[in-house]
């Protein structure tokens, strides 16, 4: 009878050992997957930030170039005329976006004045 109990105990210990090995394997896979997801998200966020910084640098350069004609109304009129003639869709988009941004600016200033 004791040999039978010992055999059952050995089988049980072997099954427990197999469960532990599987659990550690699953834990390792889960850890690897989590790190892959987090790393991928960080790389994506960094790429988005890099693109945004590059875009903002380009926008700043364009603003600086346009600012050179800011005081000359004739140059501004010529610029607007050429923009509408050469790229009317861009002109309409700029008109809309500038209108929205100006409204937002006025709204923020009014809210700031109320405080």
PDB file of N, CA and C in Angstrom:
ATOM      1  N   UNK A   1       0.808  -1.185   0.000  1.00  0.00           N
ATOM      2  CA  UNK A   1       0.000   0.000   0.000  1.00  0.00           C
ATOM      3  C   UNK A   1       0.857   1.257   0.000  1.00  0.00           C
ATOM      4  N   UNK A   2       1.950   1.260   0.721  1.00  0.00           N
ATOM      5  CA  UNK A   2       2.800   2.438   0.792  1.00  0.00           C
ATOM      6  C   UNK A   2       3.488   2.700  -0.542  1.00  0.00           C
ATOM      7  N   UNK A   3       3.809   1.641  -1.304  1.00  0.00           N
ATOM      8  CA  UNK A   3       4.402   1.833  -2.617  1.00  0.00           C
ATOM      9  C   UNK A   3       3.393   2.499  -3.553  1.00  0.00           C
ATOM     10  N   UNK A   4       2.137   2.094  -3.447  1.00  0.00           N
ATOM     11  CA  UNK A   4       1.090   2.701  -4.259  1.00  0.00           C
ATOM     12  C   UNK A   4       0.928   4.192  -3.917  1.00  0.00           C
ATOM     13  N   UNK A   5       0.932   4.528  -2.643  1.00  0.00           N
ATOM     14  CA  UNK A   5       0.803   5.919  -2.202  1.00  0.00           C
ATOM     15  C   UNK A   5       2.003   6.715  -2.687  1.00  0.00           C
ATOM     16  N   UNK A   6       3.181   6.124  -2.583  1.00  0.00           N
ATOM     17  CA  UNK A   6       4.384   6.803  -3.038  1.00  0.00           C
ATOM     18  C   UNK A   6       4.323   7.053  -4.549  1.00  0.00           C
ATOM     19  N   UNK A   7       3.822   6.096  -5.327  1.00  0.00           N
ATOM     20  CA  UNK A   7       3.704   6.257  -6.779  1.00  0.00           C
ATOM     21  C   UNK A   7       2.701   7.373  -7.116  1.00  0.00           C
ATOM     22  N   UNK A   8       1.581   7.395  -6.401  1.00  0.00           N
ATOM     23  CA  UNK A   8       0.587   8.443  -6.622  1.00  0.00           C
ATOM     24  C   UNK A   8       1.159   9.812  -6.254  1.00  0.00           C
ATOM     25  N   UNK A   9       1.906   9.849  -5.156  1.00  0.00           N
ATOM     26  CA  UNK A   9       2.524  11.101  -4.727  1.00  0.00           C
ATOM     27  C   UNK A   9       3.547  11.576  -5.765  1.00  0.00           C
ATOM     28  N   UNK A  10       4.316  10.669  -6.328  1.00  0.00           N
ATOM     29  CA  UNK A  10       5.311  11.010  -7.348  1.00  0.00           C
ATOM     30  C   UNK A  10       4.613  11.537  -8.608  1.00  0.00           C
ATOM     31  N   UNK A  11       3.517  10.901  -9.006  1.00  0.00           N
ATOM     32  CA  UNK A  11       2.767  11.371 -10.174  1.00  0.00           C
ATOM     33  C   UNK A  11       2.197  12.776  -9.928  1.00  0.00           C
ATOM     34  N   UNK A  12       1.683  12.952  -8.715  1.00  0.00           N
ATOM     35  CA  UNK A  12       1.129  14.251  -8.361  1.00  0.00           C
ATOM     36  C   UNK A  12       2.216  15.324  -8.376  1.00  0.00           C
ATOM     37  N   UNK A  13       3.374  15.011  -7.836  1.00  0.00           N
ATOM     38  CA  UNK A  13       4.499  15.943  -7.838  1.00  0.00           C
ATOM     39  C   UNK A  13       4.943  16.251  -9.271  1.00  0.00           C
ATOM     40  N   UNK A  14       4.935  15.265 -10.123  1.00  0.00           N
ATOM     41  CA  UNK A  14       5.310  15.463 -11.526  1.00  0.00           C
ATOM     42  C   UNK A  14       4.302  16.379 -12.224  1.00  0.00           C
ATOM     43  N   UNK A  15       3.003  16.169 -11.964  1.00  0.00           N
ATOM     44  CA  UNK A  15       1.985  17.038 -12.546  1.00  0.00           C
ATOM     45  C   UNK A  15       2.124  18.461 -12.027  1.00  0.00           C
ATOM     46  N   UNK A  16       2.379  18.612 -10.748  1.00  0.00           N
ATOM     47  CA  UNK A  16       2.571  19.950 -10.179  1.00  0.00           C
ATOM     48  C   UNK A  16       3.772  20.621 -10.823  1.00  0.00           C
ATOM     49  N   UNK A  17       4.834  19.890 -11.007  1.00  0.00           N
ATOM     50  CA  UNK A  17       6.031  20.430 -11.650  1.00  0.00           C
ATOM     51  C   UNK A  17       5.731  20.855 -13.089  1.00  0.00           C
ATOM     52  N   UNK A  18       4.954  20.053 -13.797  1.00  0.00           N
ATOM     53  CA  UNK A  18       4.581  20.403 -15.174  1.00  0.00           C
ATOM     54  C   UNK A  18       3.718  21.663 -15.191  1.00  0.00           C
ATOM     55  N   UNK A  19       2.793  21.790 -14.234  1.00  0.00           N
ATOM     56  CA  UNK A  19       1.966  22.996 -14.145  1.00  0.00           C
ATOM     57  C   UNK A  19       2.817  24.231 -13.871  1.00  0.00           C
ATOM     58  N   UNK A  20       3.779  24.081 -12.970  1.00  0.00           N
ATOM     59  CA  UNK A  20       4.662  25.217 -12.655  1.00  0.00           C
ATOM     60  C   UNK A  20       5.485  25.622 -13.876  1.00  0.00           C
ATOM     61  N   UNK A  21       6.004  24.639 -14.595  1.00  0.00           N
ATOM     62  CA  UNK A  21       6.785  24.940 -15.798  1.00  0.00           C
ATOM     63  C   UNK A  21       5.924  25.667 -16.823  1.00  0.00           C
ATOM     64  N   UNK A  22       4.699  25.188 -17.019  1.00  0.00           N
ATOM     65  CA  UNK A  22       3.789  25.834 -17.967  1.00  0.00           C
ATOM     66  C   UNK A  22       3.448  27.248 -17.507  1.00  0.00           C
ATOM     67  N   UNK A  23       3.228  27.414 -16.202  1.00  0.00           N
ATOM     68  CA  UNK A  23       2.885  28.737 -15.673  1.00  0.00           C
ATOM     69  C   UNK A  23       4.028  29.723 -15.904  1.00  0.00           C
ATOM     70  N   UNK A  24       5.254  29.300 -15.637  1.00  0.00           N
ATOM     71  CA  UNK A  24       6.400  30.186 -15.877  1.00  0.00           C
ATOM     72  C   UNK A  24       6.575  30.481 -17.361  1.00  0.00           C
ATOM     73  N   UNK A  25       6.301  29.487 -18.200  1.00  0.00           N
ATOM     74  CA  UNK A  25       6.369  29.716 -19.650  1.00  0.00           C
ATOM     75  C   UNK A  25       5.334  30.740 -20.078  1.00  0.00           C
ATOM     76  N   UNK A  26       4.098  30.579 -19.593  1.00  0.00           N
ATOM     77  CA  UNK A  26       3.049  31.538 -19.933  1.00  0.00           C
ATOM     78  C   UNK A  26       3.368  32.929 -19.401  1.00  0.00           C
ATOM     79  N   UNK A  27       3.943  32.985 -18.212  1.00  0.00           N
ATOM     80  CA  UNK A  27       4.329  34.263 -17.638  1.00  0.00           C
ATOM     81  C   UNK A  27       5.399  34.932 -18.501  1.00  0.00           C
ATOM     82  N   UNK A  28       6.352  34.156 -18.971  1.00  0.00           N
ATOM     83  CA  UNK A  28       7.388  34.704 -19.852  1.00  0.00           C
ATOM     84  C   UNK A  28       6.808  35.217 -21.160  1.00  0.00           C
ATOM     85  N   UNK A  29       5.889  34.464 -21.741  1.00  0.00           N
ATOM     86  CA  UNK A  29       5.244  34.891 -22.984  1.00  0.00           C
ATOM     87  C   UNK A  29       4.437  36.164 -22.746  1.00  0.00           C
ATOM     88  N   UNK A  30       3.712  36.208 -21.640  1.00  0.00           N
ATOM     89  CA  UNK A  30       2.914  37.394 -21.321  1.00  0.00           C
ATOM     90  C   UNK A  30       3.821  38.609 -21.117  1.00  0.00           C
ATOM     91  N   UNK A  31       4.929  38.401 -20.422  1.00  0.00           N
ATOM     92  CA  UNK A  31       5.878  39.496 -20.199  1.00  0.00           C
ATOM     93  C   UNK A  31       6.448  40.000 -21.527  1.00  0.00           C
ATOM     94  N   UNK A  32       6.823  39.081 -22.397  1.00  0.00           N
ATOM     95  CA  UNK A  32       7.354  39.447 -23.708  1.00  0.00           C
ATOM     96  C   UNK A  32       6.302  40.209 -24.526  1.00  0.00           C
ATOM     97  N   UNK A  33       5.058  39.703 -24.545  1.00  0.00           N
ATOM     98  CA  UNK A  33       3.991  40.362 -25.298  1.00  0.00           C
ATOM     99  C   UNK A  33       3.716  41.759 -24.761  1.00  0.00           C
ATOM    100  N   UNK A  34       3.682  41.896 -23.437  1.00  0.00           N
ATOM    101  CA  UNK A  34       3.430  43.199 -22.831  1.00  0.00           C
ATOM    102  C   UNK A  34       4.539  44.178 -23.224  1.00  0.00           C
ATOM    103  N   UNK A  35       5.779  43.742 -23.114  1.00  0.00           N
ATOM    104  CA  UNK A  35       6.892  44.624 -23.472  1.00  0.00           C
ATOM    105  C   UNK A  35       6.882  44.968 -24.956  1.00  0.00           C
ATOM    106  N   UNK A  36       6.476  44.038 -25.796  1.00  0.00           N
ATOM    107  CA  UNK A  36       6.385  44.311 -27.229  1.00  0.00           C
ATOM    108  C   UNK A  36       5.318  45.359 -27.508  1.00  0.00           C
ATOM    109  N   UNK A  37       4.184  45.236 -26.844  1.00  0.00           N
ATOM    110  CA  UNK A  37       3.098  46.193 -27.048  1.00  0.00           C
ATOM    111  C   UNK A  37       3.496  47.571 -26.541  1.00  0.00           C
ATOM    112  N   UNK A  38       4.048  47.624 -25.342  1.00  0.00           N
ATOM    113  CA  UNK A  38       4.452  48.911 -24.774  1.00  0.00           C
ATOM    114  C   UNK A  38       5.567  49.533 -25.617  1.00  0.00           C
ATOM    115  N   UNK A  39       6.523  48.736 -26.024  1.00  0.00           N
ATOM    116  CA  UNK A  39       7.603  49.251 -26.864  1.00  0.00           C
ATOM    117  C   UNK A  39       7.098  49.751 -28.206  1.00  0.00           C
ATOM    118  N   UNK A  40       6.170  49.011 -28.793  1.00  0.00           N
ATOM    119  CA  UNK A  40       5.587  49.444 -30.066  1.00  0.00           C
ATOM    120  C   UNK A  40       4.826  50.741 -29.925  1.00  0.00           C
ATOM    121  N   UNK A  41       4.083  50.860 -28.840  1.00  0.00           N
ATOM    122  CA  UNK A  41       3.340  52.098 -28.606  1.00  0.00           C
ATOM    123  C   UNK A  41       4.294  53.269 -28.397  1.00  0.00           C
ATOM    124  N   UNK A  42       5.363  53.064 -27.650  1.00  0.00           N
ATOM    125  CA  UNK A  42       6.335  54.131 -27.437  1.00  0.00           C
ATOM    126  C   UNK A  42       7.015  54.548 -28.740  1.00  0.00           C
ATOM    127  N   UNK A  43       7.354  53.567 -29.582  1.00  0.00           N
ATOM    128  CA  UNK A  43       7.955  53.896 -30.877  1.00  0.00           C
ATOM    129  C   UNK A  43       6.984  54.674 -31.748  1.00  0.00           C
ATOM    130  N   UNK A  44       5.715  54.277 -31.730  1.00  0.00           N
ATOM    131  CA  UNK A  44       4.697  54.989 -32.507  1.00  0.00           C
ATOM    132  C   UNK A  44       4.522  56.419 -31.996  1.00  0.00           C
ATOM    133  N   UNK A  45       4.418  56.578 -30.687  1.00  0.00           N
ATOM    134  CA  UNK A  45       4.263  57.921 -30.119  1.00  0.00           C
ATOM    135  C   UNK A  45       5.471  58.790 -30.443  1.00  0.00           C
ATOM    136  N   UNK A  46       6.659  58.225 -30.390  1.00  0.00           N
ATOM    137  CA  UNK A  46       7.870  58.987 -30.710  1.00  0.00           C
ATOM    138  C   UNK A  46       7.866  59.404 -32.178  1.00  0.00           C
ATOM    139  N   UNK A  47       7.426  58.498 -33.055  1.00  0.00           N
ATOM    140  CA  UNK A  47       7.351  58.831 -34.484  1.00  0.00           C
ATOM    141  C   UNK A  47       6.347  59.948 -34.725  1.00  0.00           C
ATOM    142  N   UNK A  48       5.217  59.902 -34.021  1.00  0.00           N
ATOM    143  CA  UNK A  48       4.205  60.957 -34.160  1.00  0.00           C
ATOM    144  C   UNK A  48       4.766  62.286 -33.677  1.00  0.00           C
ATOM    145  N   UNK A  49       5.455  62.269 -32.530  1.00  0.00           N
ATOM    146  CA  UNK A  49       6.043  63.510 -32.009  1.00  0.00           C
ATOM    147  C   UNK A  49       7.120  64.053 -32.941  1.00  0.00           C
ATOM    148  N   UNK A  50       7.943  63.169 -33.494  1.00  0.00           N
ATOM    149  CA  UNK A  50       8.979  63.612 -34.439  1.00  0.00           C
ATOM    150  C   UNK A  50       8.357  64.255 -35.669  1.00  0.00           C
ATOM    151  N   UNK A  51       7.285  63.634 -36.181  1.00  0.00           N
ATOM    152  CA  UNK A  51       6.611  64.200 -37.354  1.00  0.00           C
ATOM    153  C   UNK A  51       5.996  65.546 -37.011  1.00  0.00           C
ATOM    154  N   UNK A  52       5.399  65.641 -35.829  1.00  0.00           N
ATOM    155  CA  UNK A  52       4.789  66.907 -35.424  1.00  0.00           C
ATOM    156  C   UNK A  52       5.848  67.997 -35.294  1.00  0.00           C
ATOM    157  N   UNK A  53       6.998  67.668 -34.708  1.00  0.00           N
ATOM    158  CA  UNK A  53       8.082  68.645 -34.589  1.00  0.00           C
ATOM    159  C   UNK A  53       8.573  69.090 -35.965  1.00  0.00           C
ATOM    160  N   UNK A  54       8.702  68.141 -36.885  1.00  0.00           N
ATOM    161  CA  UNK A  54       9.139  68.470 -38.240  1.00  0.00           C
ATOM    162  C   UNK A  54       8.114  69.360 -38.931  1.00  0.00           C
ATOM    163  N   UNK A  55       6.828  69.007 -38.798  1.00  0.00           N
ATOM    164  CA  UNK A  55       5.765  69.812 -39.399  1.00  0.00           C
ATOM    165  C   UNK A  55       5.739  71.214 -38.809  1.00  0.00           C
ATOM    166  N   UNK A  56       5.898  71.310 -37.492  1.00  0.00           N
ATOM    167  CA  UNK A  56       5.868  72.624 -36.855  1.00  0.00           C
ATOM    168  C   UNK A  56       7.062  73.472 -37.297  1.00  0.00           C
ATOM    169  N   UNK A  57       8.218  72.845 -37.516  1.00  0.00           N
ATOM    170  CA  UNK A  57       9.380  73.586 -38.015  1.00  0.00           C
ATOM    171  C   UNK A  57       9.100  74.127 -39.420  1.00  0.00           C
ATOM    172  N   UNK A  58       8.485  73.308 -40.255  1.00  0.00           N
ATOM    173  CA  UNK A  58       8.128  73.754 -41.608  1.00  0.00           C
ATOM    174  C   UNK A  58       7.108  74.888 -41.552  1.00  0.00           C
ATOM    175  N   UNK A  59       6.111  74.759 -40.673  1.00  0.00           N
ATOM    176  CA  UNK A  59       5.092  75.793 -40.526  1.00  0.00           C
ATOM    177  C   UNK A  59       5.733  77.092 -40.045  1.00  0.00           C
ATOM    178  N   UNK A  60       6.638  76.973 -39.082  1.00  0.00           N
ATOM    179  CA  UNK A  60       7.314  78.162 -38.563  1.00  0.00           C
ATOM    180  C   UNK A  60       8.122  78.847 -39.665  1.00  0.00           C
ATOM    181  N   UNK A  61       8.754  78.063 -40.499  1.00  0.00           N
ATOM    182  CA  UNK A  61       9.526  78.626 -41.618  1.00  0.00           C
ATOM    183  C   UNK A  61       8.591  79.364 -42.588  1.00  0.00           C
ATOM    184  N   UNK A  62       7.448  78.779 -42.887  1.00  0.00           N
ATOM    185  CA  UNK A  62       6.477  79.425 -43.782  1.00  0.00           C
ATOM    186  C   UNK A  62       5.976  80.727 -43.161  1.00  0.00           C
ATOM    187  N   UNK A  63       5.681  80.694 -41.865  1.00  0.00           N
ATOM    188  CA  UNK A  63       5.201  81.902 -41.182  1.00  0.00           C
ATOM    189  C   UNK A  63       6.257  82.997 -41.231  1.00  0.00           C
ATOM    190  N   UNK A  64       7.508  82.627 -41.030  1.00  0.00           N
ATOM    191  CA  UNK A  64       8.584  83.627 -41.101  1.00  0.00           C
ATOM    192  C   UNK A  64       8.691  84.225 -42.503  1.00  0.00           C
ATOM    193  N   UNK A  65       8.537  83.393 -43.522  1.00  0.00           N
ATOM    194  CA  UNK A  65       8.606  83.903 -44.894  1.00  0.00           C
ATOM    195  C   UNK A  65       7.428  84.832 -45.189  1.00  0.00           C
ATOM    196  N   UNK A  66       6.238  84.463 -44.752  1.00  0.00           N
ATOM    197  CA  UNK A  66       5.062  85.302 -44.991  1.00  0.00           C
ATOM    198  C   UNK A  66       5.137  86.576 -44.158  1.00  0.00           C
ATOM    199  N   UNK A  67       5.750  86.500 -42.985  1.00  0.00           N
ATOM    200  CA  UNK A  67       5.865  87.685 -42.130  1.00  0.00           C
ATOM    201  C   UNK A  67       6.687  88.784 -42.782  1.00  0.00           C
ATOM    202  N   UNK A  68       7.537  88.423 -43.724  1.00  0.00           N
ATOM    203  CA  UNK A  68       8.338  89.452 -44.396  1.00  0.00           C
ATOM    204  C   UNK A  68       7.483  90.377 -45.241  1.00  0.00           C
ATOM    205  N   UNK A  69       6.298  89.916 -45.650  1.00  0.00           N
ATOM    206  CA  UNK A  69       5.410  90.770 -46.455  1.00  0.00           C
ATOM    207  C   UNK A  69       4.266  91.335 -45.621  1.00  0.00           C
ATOM    208  N   UNK A  70       4.287  91.133 -44.325  1.00  0.00           N
ATOM    209  CA  UNK A  70       3.169  91.501 -43.461  1.00  0.00           C
ATOM    210  C   UNK A  70       2.863  92.997 -43.476  1.00  0.00           C
ATOM    211  N   UNK A  71       3.858  93.815 -43.641  1.00  0.00           N
ATOM    212  CA  UNK A  71       3.643  95.267 -43.593  1.00  0.00           C
ATOM    213  C   UNK A  71       3.304  95.865 -44.956  1.00  0.00           C
ATOM    214  N   UNK A  72       3.446  95.103 -46.000  1.00  0.00           N
ATOM    215  CA  UNK A  72       3.213  95.609 -47.355  1.00  0.00           C
ATOM    216  C   UNK A  72       1.893  95.049 -47.878  1.00  0.00           C
ATOM    217  N   UNK A  73       0.842  95.882 -47.870  1.00  0.00           N
ATOM    218  CA  UNK A  73      -0.482  95.409 -48.256  1.00  0.00           C
ATOM    219  C   UNK A  73      -0.548  95.017 -49.730  1.00  0.00           C
ATOM    220  N   UNK A  74       0.267  95.640 -50.574  1.00  0.00           N
ATOM    221  CA  UNK A  74       0.284  95.287 -51.995  1.00  0.00           C
ATOM    222  C   UNK A  74       0.826  93.871 -52.172  1.00  0.00           C
ATOM    223  N   UNK A  75       1.894  93.544 -51.441  1.00  0.00           N
ATOM    224  CA  UNK A  75       2.450  92.188 -51.530  1.00  0.00           C
ATOM    225  C   UNK A  75       1.452  91.160 -50.994  1.00  0.00           C
ATOM    226  N   UNK A  76       0.758  91.522 -49.935  1.00  0.00           N
ATOM    227  CA  UNK A  76      -0.244  90.603 -49.379  1.00  0.00           C
ATOM    228  C   UNK A  76      -1.359  90.369 -50.393  1.00  0.00           C
ATOM    229  N   UNK A  77      -1.811  91.434 -51.048  1.00  0.00           N
ATOM    230  CA  UNK A  77      -2.865  91.305 -52.055  1.00  0.00           C
ATOM    231  C   UNK A  77      -2.383  90.453 -53.231  1.00  0.00           C
ATOM    232  N   UNK A  78      -1.137  90.678 -53.669  1.00  0.00           N
ATOM    233  CA  UNK A  78      -0.575  89.864 -54.755  1.00  0.00           C
ATOM    234  C   UNK A  78      -0.469  88.403 -54.351  1.00  0.00           C
ATOM    235  N   UNK A  79      -0.038  88.177 -53.122  1.00  0.00           N
ATOM    236  CA  UNK A  79       0.063  86.811 -52.602  1.00  0.00           C
ATOM    237  C   UNK A  79      -1.311  86.148 -52.621  1.00  0.00           C
ATOM    238  N   UNK A  80      -2.318  86.838 -52.109  1.00  0.00           N
ATOM    239  CA  UNK A  80      -3.672  86.276 -52.066  1.00  0.00           C
ATOM    240  C   UNK A  80      -4.203  86.011 -53.467  1.00  0.00           C
ATOM    241  N   UNK A  81      -3.958  86.949 -54.373  1.00  0.00           N
ATOM    242  CA  UNK A  81      -4.422  86.782 -55.750  1.00  0.00           C
ATOM    243  C   UNK A  81      -3.791  85.555 -56.399  1.00  0.00           C
ATOM    244  N   UNK A  82      -2.484  85.407 -56.241  1.00  0.00           N
ATOM    245  CA  UNK A  82      -1.786  84.254 -56.824  1.00  0.00           C
ATOM    246  C   UNK A  82      -2.242  82.948 -56.174  1.00  0.00           C
ATOM    247  N   UNK A  83      -2.467  82.986 -54.866  1.00  0.00           N
ATOM    248  CA  UNK A  83      -2.917  81.784 -54.168  1.00  0.00           C
ATOM    249  C   UNK A  83      -4.283  81.349 -54.684  1.00  0.00           C
ATOM    250  N   UNK A  84      -5.199  82.294 -54.824  1.00  0.00           N
ATOM    251  CA  UNK A  84      -6.540  81.958 -55.320  1.00  0.00           C
ATOM    252  C   UNK A  84      -6.471  81.479 -56.765  1.00  0.00           C
ATOM    253  N   UNK A  85      -5.616  82.082 -57.545  1.00  0.00           N
ATOM    254  CA  UNK A  85      -5.507  81.714 -58.956  1.00  0.00           C
ATOM    255  C   UNK A  85      -4.856  80.345 -59.133  1.00  0.00           C
ATOM    256  N   UNK A  86      -3.782  80.109 -58.406  1.00  0.00           N
ATOM    257  CA  UNK A  86      -3.017  78.872 -58.588  1.00  0.00           C
ATOM    258  C   UNK A  86      -3.568  77.685 -57.801  1.00  0.00           C
ATOM    259  N   UNK A  87      -4.139  77.961 -56.632  1.00  0.00           N
ATOM    260  CA  UNK A  87      -4.604  76.854 -55.795  1.00  0.00           C
ATOM    261  C   UNK A  87      -5.851  77.294 -55.027  1.00  0.00           C
ATOM    262  N   UNK A  88      -7.007  77.339 -55.694  1.00  0.00           N
ATOM    263  CA  UNK A  88      -8.220  77.823 -55.035  1.00  0.00           C
ATOM    264  C   UNK A  88      -8.674  76.942 -53.862  1.00  0.00           C
ATOM    265  N   UNK A  89      -8.430  75.658 -53.957  1.00  0.00           N
ATOM    266  CA  UNK A  89      -8.833  74.776 -52.857  1.00  0.00           C
ATOM    267  C   UNK A  89      -8.046  75.110 -51.586  1.00  0.00           C
ATOM    268  N   UNK A  90      -6.748  75.323 -51.733  1.00  0.00           N
ATOM    269  CA  UNK A  90      -5.928  75.721 -50.584  1.00  0.00           C
ATOM    270  C   UNK A  90      -6.394  77.059 -50.036  1.00  0.00           C
ATOM    271  N   UNK A  91      -6.729  78.001 -50.914  1.00  0.00           N
ATOM    272  CA  UNK A  91      -7.199  79.315 -50.470  1.00  0.00           C
ATOM    273  C   UNK A  91      -8.487  79.179 -49.660  1.00  0.00           C
ATOM    274  N   UNK A  92      -9.418  78.344 -50.125  1.00  0.00           N
ATOM    275  CA  UNK A  92     -10.672  78.133 -49.395  1.00  0.00           C
ATOM    276  C   UNK A  92     -10.416  77.453 -48.059  1.00  0.00           C
ATOM    277  N   UNK A  93      -9.515  76.475 -48.044  1.00  0.00           N
ATOM    278  CA  UNK A  93      -9.183  75.787 -46.788  1.00  0.00           C
ATOM    279  C   UNK A  93      -8.569  76.756 -45.797  1.00  0.00           C
ATOM    280  N   UNK A  94      -7.645  77.582 -46.270  1.00  0.00           N
ATOM    281  CA  UNK A  94      -7.021  78.566 -45.383  1.00  0.00           C
ATOM    282  C   UNK A  94      -8.055  79.569 -44.864  1.00  0.00           C
ATOM    283  N   UNK A  95      -8.960  79.994 -45.734  1.00  0.00           N
ATOM    284  CA  UNK A  95     -10.003  80.932 -45.307  1.00  0.00           C
ATOM    285  C   UNK A  95     -10.832  80.324 -44.181  1.00  0.00           C
ATOM    286  N   UNK A  96     -11.248  79.078 -44.364  1.00  0.00           N
ATOM    287  CA  UNK A  96     -12.067  78.414 -43.351  1.00  0.00           C
ATOM    288  C   UNK A  96     -11.301  78.230 -42.048  1.00  0.00           C
ATOM    289  N   UNK A  97     -10.095  77.691 -42.151  1.00  0.00           N
ATOM    290  CA  UNK A  97      -9.314  77.393 -40.947  1.00  0.00           C
ATOM    291  C   UNK A  97      -8.941  78.672 -40.209  1.00  0.00           C
ATOM    292  N   UNK A  98      -8.543  79.697 -40.932  1.00  0.00           N
ATOM    293  CA  UNK A  98      -8.209  80.959 -40.279  1.00  0.00           C
ATOM    294  C   UNK A  98      -9.430  81.555 -39.595  1.00  0.00           C
ATOM    295  N   UNK A  99     -10.594  81.459 -40.211  1.00  0.00           N
ATOM    296  CA  UNK A  99     -11.826  81.940 -39.581  1.00  0.00           C
ATOM    297  C   UNK A  99     -12.114  81.216 -38.279  1.00  0.00           C
ATOM    298  N   UNK A 100     -11.979  79.891 -38.304  1.00  0.00           N
ATOM    299  CA  UNK A 100     -12.224  79.086 -37.101  1.00  0.00           C
ATOM    300  C   UNK A 100     -11.218  79.448 -36.012  1.00  0.00           C
ATOM    301  N   UNK A 101      -9.958  79.548 -36.377  1.00  0.00           N
ATOM    302  CA  UNK A 101      -8.920  79.867 -35.385  1.00  0.00           C
ATOM    303  C   UNK A 101      -9.119  81.258 -34.794  1.00  0.00           C
ATOM    304  N   UNK A 102      -9.517  82.219 -35.609  1.00  0.00           N
ATOM    305  CA  UNK A 102      -9.774  83.566 -35.091  1.00  0.00           C
ATOM    306  C   UNK A 102     -10.978  83.567 -34.143  1.00  0.00           C
ATOM    307  N   UNK A 103     -12.015  82.823 -34.490  1.00  0.00           N
ATOM    308  CA  UNK A 103     -13.166  82.719 -33.589  1.00  0.00           C
ATOM    309  C   UNK A 103     -12.762  82.099 -32.257  1.00  0.00           C
ATOM    310  N   UNK A 104     -11.959  81.044 -32.313  1.00  0.00           N
ATOM    311  CA  UNK A 104     -11.486  80.399 -31.084  1.00  0.00           C
ATOM    312  C   UNK A 104     -10.647  81.360 -30.248  1.00  0.00           C
ATOM    313  N   UNK A 105      -9.797  82.126 -30.901  1.00  0.00           N
ATOM    314  CA  UNK A 105      -8.960  83.091 -30.184  1.00  0.00           C
ATOM    315  C   UNK A 105      -9.837  84.129 -29.490  1.00  0.00           C
ATOM    316  N   UNK A 106     -10.830  84.670 -30.186  1.00  0.00           N
ATOM    317  CA  UNK A 106     -11.728  85.660 -29.587  1.00  0.00           C
ATOM    318  C   UNK A 106     -12.523  85.050 -28.432  1.00  0.00           C
ATOM    319  N   UNK A 107     -12.961  83.806 -28.604  1.00  0.00           N
ATOM    320  CA  UNK A 107     -13.701  83.124 -27.542  1.00  0.00           C
ATOM    321  C   UNK A 107     -12.830  82.948 -26.305  1.00  0.00           C
ATOM    322  N   UNK A 108     -11.570  82.538 -26.497  1.00  0.00           N
ATOM    323  CA  UNK A 108     -10.655  82.365 -25.349  1.00  0.00           C
ATOM    324  C   UNK A 108     -10.402  83.702 -24.668  1.00  0.00           C
ATOM    325  N   UNK A 109     -10.217  84.761 -25.455  1.00  0.00           N
ATOM    326  CA  UNK A 109      -9.971  86.083 -24.865  1.00  0.00           C
ATOM    327  C   UNK A 109     -11.190  86.574 -24.094  1.00  0.00           C
ATOM    328  N   UNK A 110     -12.388  86.331 -24.608  1.00  0.00           N
ATOM    329  CA  UNK A 110     -13.602  86.745 -23.899  1.00  0.00           C
ATOM    330  C   UNK A 110     -13.750  85.971 -22.592  1.00  0.00           C
ATOM    331  N   UNK A 111     -13.445  84.678 -22.639  1.00  0.00           N
ATOM    332  CA  UNK A 111     -13.526  83.867 -21.421  1.00  0.00           C
ATOM    333  C   UNK A 111     -12.473  84.318 -20.417  1.00  0.00           C
ATOM    334  N   UNK A 112     -11.294  84.675 -20.886  1.00  0.00           N
ATOM    335  CA  UNK A 112     -10.246  85.145 -19.985  1.00  0.00           C
ATOM    336  C   UNK A 112     -10.628  86.471 -19.360  1.00  0.00           C
ATOM    337  N   UNK A 113     -11.324  87.338 -20.112  1.00  0.00           N
ATOM    338  CA  UNK A 113     -11.742  88.623 -19.586  1.00  0.00           C
ATOM    339  C   UNK A 113     -12.858  88.482 -18.559  1.00  0.00           C
ATOM    340  N   UNK A 114     -13.658  87.427 -18.661  1.00  0.00           N
ATOM    341  CA  UNK A 114     -14.765  87.214 -17.717  1.00  0.00           C
ATOM    342  C   UNK A 114     -14.254  86.752 -16.361  1.00  0.00           C
ATOM    343  N   UNK A 115     -13.109  86.154 -16.347  1.00  0.00           N
ATOM    344  CA  UNK A 115     -12.576  85.593 -15.088  1.00  0.00           C
ATOM    345  C   UNK A 115     -12.051  86.690 -14.202  1.00  0.00           C
TER     346      UNK A 115
END
